[in-house]
Protein backbone atom coordinates (compact mmCIF):
# COMPACT_ATOMS: atom_id res chain seq x y z
CA UNK A 1 -47.38 -24.80 5.23
CA UNK A 2 -47.24 -21.89 7.68
CA UNK A 3 -43.65 -22.85 8.60
CA UNK A 4 -42.58 -22.84 4.94
CA UNK A 5 -44.32 -19.49 4.36
CA UNK A 6 -42.76 -17.98 7.50
CA UNK A 7 -39.33 -19.22 6.37
CA UNK A 8 -39.84 -17.71 2.93
CA UNK A 9 -40.80 -14.36 4.46
CA UNK A 10 -37.73 -14.36 6.71
CA UNK A 11 -35.50 -15.28 3.84
CA UNK A 12 -37.00 -12.51 1.67
CA UNK A 13 -36.47 -10.00 4.45
CA UNK A 14 -32.84 -11.04 4.85
CA UNK A 15 -32.19 -10.66 1.16
CA UNK A 16 -33.88 -7.22 1.04
CA UNK A 17 -32.03 -5.86 4.07
CA UNK A 18 -28.65 -7.46 3.30
CA UNK A 19 -28.40 -6.61 -0.38
CA UNK A 20 -26.74 -3.46 -1.64
CA UNK A 21 -28.43 -1.01 -3.91
CA UNK A 22 -26.68 0.06 -7.10
CA UNK A 23 -26.17 3.51 -5.61
CA UNK A 24 -24.34 2.03 -2.60
CA UNK A 25 -22.16 -0.06 -4.84
CA UNK A 26 -21.35 2.89 -7.06
CA UNK A 27 -20.48 5.00 -4.02
CA UNK A 28 -18.03 2.37 -2.85
CA UNK A 29 -16.46 2.08 -6.32
CA UNK A 30 -15.86 5.85 -6.59
CA UNK A 31 -12.58 6.64 -4.92
CA UNK A 32 -10.97 10.03 -4.55
CA UNK A 33 -7.55 9.52 -6.06
CA UNK A 34 -6.47 13.15 -6.07
CA UNK A 35 -3.32 13.77 -4.17
CA UNK A 36 -1.11 16.75 -3.49
CA UNK A 37 2.29 15.84 -4.95
CA UNK A 38 3.96 18.47 -2.75
CA UNK A 39 3.58 16.17 0.27
CA UNK A 40 6.56 14.12 -0.94
CA UNK A 41 8.79 16.77 0.68
CA UNK A 42 8.10 14.97 3.98
CA UNK A 43 9.85 11.88 2.71
CA UNK A 44 13.36 11.15 3.99
CA UNK A 45 14.98 10.94 0.56
CA UNK A 46 18.34 9.62 1.82
CA UNK A 47 16.76 6.76 3.84
CA UNK A 48 14.54 5.97 0.87
CA UNK A 49 17.47 5.87 -1.49
CA UNK A 50 19.40 3.62 0.92
CA UNK A 51 16.43 1.21 1.04
CA UNK A 52 16.09 1.24 -2.72
CA UNK A 53 19.82 0.56 -3.16
CA UNK A 54 19.63 -2.46 -0.90
CA UNK A 55 16.44 -3.75 -2.52
CA UNK A 56 18.02 -3.32 -5.96
CA UNK A 57 21.23 -5.05 -4.81
CA UNK A 58 19.14 -8.03 -3.79
CA UNK A 59 17.06 -7.98 -6.99
CA UNK A 60 20.25 -7.83 -9.11
CA UNK A 61 21.75 -10.80 -7.22
CA UNK A 62 18.74 -12.77 -8.50
CA UNK A 63 19.03 -11.48 -12.05
CA UNK A 64 16.02 -9.16 -11.64
CA UNK A 65 15.87 -5.62 -12.99
CA UNK A 66 16.49 -2.73 -10.64
CA UNK A 67 13.53 -0.63 -9.54
CA UNK A 68 13.34 3.05 -10.55
CA UNK A 69 12.50 5.60 -7.88
CA UNK A 70 9.15 7.32 -8.40
CA UNK A 71 9.25 10.62 -6.53
CA UNK A 72 5.82 11.71 -7.79
CA UNK A 73 2.57 9.78 -7.44
CA UNK A 74 3.82 6.57 -5.83
CA UNK A 75 5.80 8.49 -3.25
CA UNK A 76 2.89 10.88 -2.59
CA UNK A 77 0.55 7.95 -1.94
CA UNK A 78 3.20 6.32 0.21
CA UNK A 79 3.74 9.51 2.24
CA UNK A 80 -0.04 9.85 2.70
CA UNK A 81 -0.19 6.26 4.02
CA UNK A 82 2.78 6.76 6.34
CA UNK A 83 1.03 9.84 7.75
CA UNK A 84 -2.09 7.67 8.28
CA UNK A 85 -0.10 4.97 10.09
CA UNK A 86 1.59 7.55 12.32
CA UNK A 87 -1.80 9.05 13.19
CA UNK A 88 -3.03 5.57 14.25
CA UNK A 89 0.33 4.63 15.86
CA UNK A 90 0.28 1.28 14.04
CA UNK A 91 1.45 -0.19 10.79
CA UNK A 92 -1.19 -1.54 8.42
CA UNK A 93 -2.22 -1.87 4.78
CA UNK A 94 -5.53 -0.07 5.26
CA UNK A 95 -6.94 1.29 2.02
CA UNK A 96 -4.25 -0.40 -0.12
CA UNK A 97 -6.93 -0.88 -2.78
CA UNK A 98 -7.18 2.93 -3.10
CA UNK A 99 -3.43 3.37 -3.61
CA UNK A 100 -3.38 0.45 -6.01
CA UNK A 101 -6.30 1.74 -8.07
CA UNK A 102 -4.84 5.24 -8.22
CA UNK A 103 -1.53 3.96 -9.55
CA UNK A 104 -3.28 1.61 -11.99
CA UNK A 105 -5.34 4.53 -13.28
CA UNK A 106 -1.97 6.20 -13.97
CA UNK A 107 -0.64 3.23 -16.00
CA UNK A 108 0.55 0.70 -13.44
CA UNK A 109 -0.24 -2.89 -14.34
CA UNK A 110 0.21 -4.31 -10.81
CA UNK A 111 0.97 -2.80 -7.38
CA UNK A 112 2.53 -4.13 -4.17
CA UNK A 113 3.31 -2.59 -0.82
CA UNK A 114 5.60 -3.16 2.23
CA UNK A 115 5.24 -1.29 5.47
CA UNK A 116 7.28 -1.22 8.65
CA UNK A 117 7.95 0.68 11.86
CA UNK A 118 10.85 1.38 14.20
CA UNK A 119 13.89 0.38 12.22
CA UNK A 120 16.77 2.83 12.55
CA UNK A 121 18.55 2.09 9.28
CA UNK A 122 17.90 0.77 5.79
CA UNK A 123 19.95 -2.41 6.28
CA UNK A 124 18.01 -3.67 9.27
CA UNK A 125 14.71 -2.86 7.59
CA UNK A 126 15.49 -4.57 4.29
CA UNK A 127 17.04 -7.54 6.12
CA UNK A 128 13.81 -7.93 8.11
CA UNK A 129 11.65 -7.73 4.92
CA UNK A 130 13.88 -10.29 3.20
CA UNK A 131 13.41 -12.67 6.16
CA UNK A 132 9.64 -12.40 5.82
CA UNK A 133 8.23 -14.54 2.96
CA UNK A 134 5.38 -12.15 2.14
CA UNK A 135 7.63 -9.03 2.14
CA UNK A 136 10.37 -10.85 0.22
CA UNK A 137 7.82 -11.88 -2.42
CA UNK A 138 6.96 -8.19 -2.98
CA UNK A 139 10.63 -7.17 -3.17
CA UNK A 140 11.35 -9.94 -5.69
CA UNK A 141 8.10 -9.36 -7.63
CA UNK A 142 7.55 -8.31 -11.20
CA UNK A 143 7.82 -4.55 -10.60
CA UNK A 144 9.70 -1.69 -12.31
CA UNK A 145 9.17 1.33 -10.00
CA UNK A 146 9.02 2.16 -6.32
CA UNK A 147 7.75 5.07 -4.23
CA UNK A 148 8.47 5.84 -0.59
CA UNK A 149 6.88 7.36 2.47
CA UNK A 150 9.69 7.23 5.03
CA UNK A 151 9.81 9.63 7.98
CA UNK A 152 9.75 9.84 11.75
CA UNK A 153 6.86 10.30 14.12
CA UNK A 154 6.86 12.75 17.05
CA UNK A 155 8.76 10.13 19.13
CA UNK A 156 11.54 10.15 16.55
CA UNK A 157 10.74 6.60 15.28
CA UNK A 158 10.64 5.77 11.58
CA UNK A 159 7.52 4.55 9.83
CA UNK A 160 7.94 3.10 6.32
CA UNK A 161 5.66 2.62 3.31
CA UNK A 162 7.25 1.32 0.09
CA UNK A 163 4.98 1.00 -2.92
CA UNK A 164 6.02 -1.18 -5.86
CA UNK A 165 4.49 -1.11 -9.32
CA UNK A 166 4.96 -2.49 -12.77
CA UNK A 167 4.64 -0.05 -15.66
């Protein structure tokens, strides 16, 4: 009987200490989605357009619609993420849920993202993405628009974030 009671007490303590309060859950759900649209000026527009042209050539070869360049919110969120990756000196999809939610709150129905580092030209980047099943799936996905965060770090190496969304 003491063993069962002790087990029940331990289980109760685990539930109490491991559960989240409503306030904690609400805090996690509230995300600052404000963004300064002027940061898109950092984006390498020519490299972004070259990437988009190659992505659209591939999509058209499959009978898919071309993506439209979004130089406002999607590009601002992409630039912000590229800045973040440069700060960490690594590529990642950290906080993708924030970028996705922000675009969905502005009318996007679905959102995807590709990131990369170190490619010197659009052709080698897009070729690499097309040779990766997960990146290719995003490129060929049901999307209508794309935003870019493409620019070099202090060592003159490109970092890339391309956001895709369906509107």
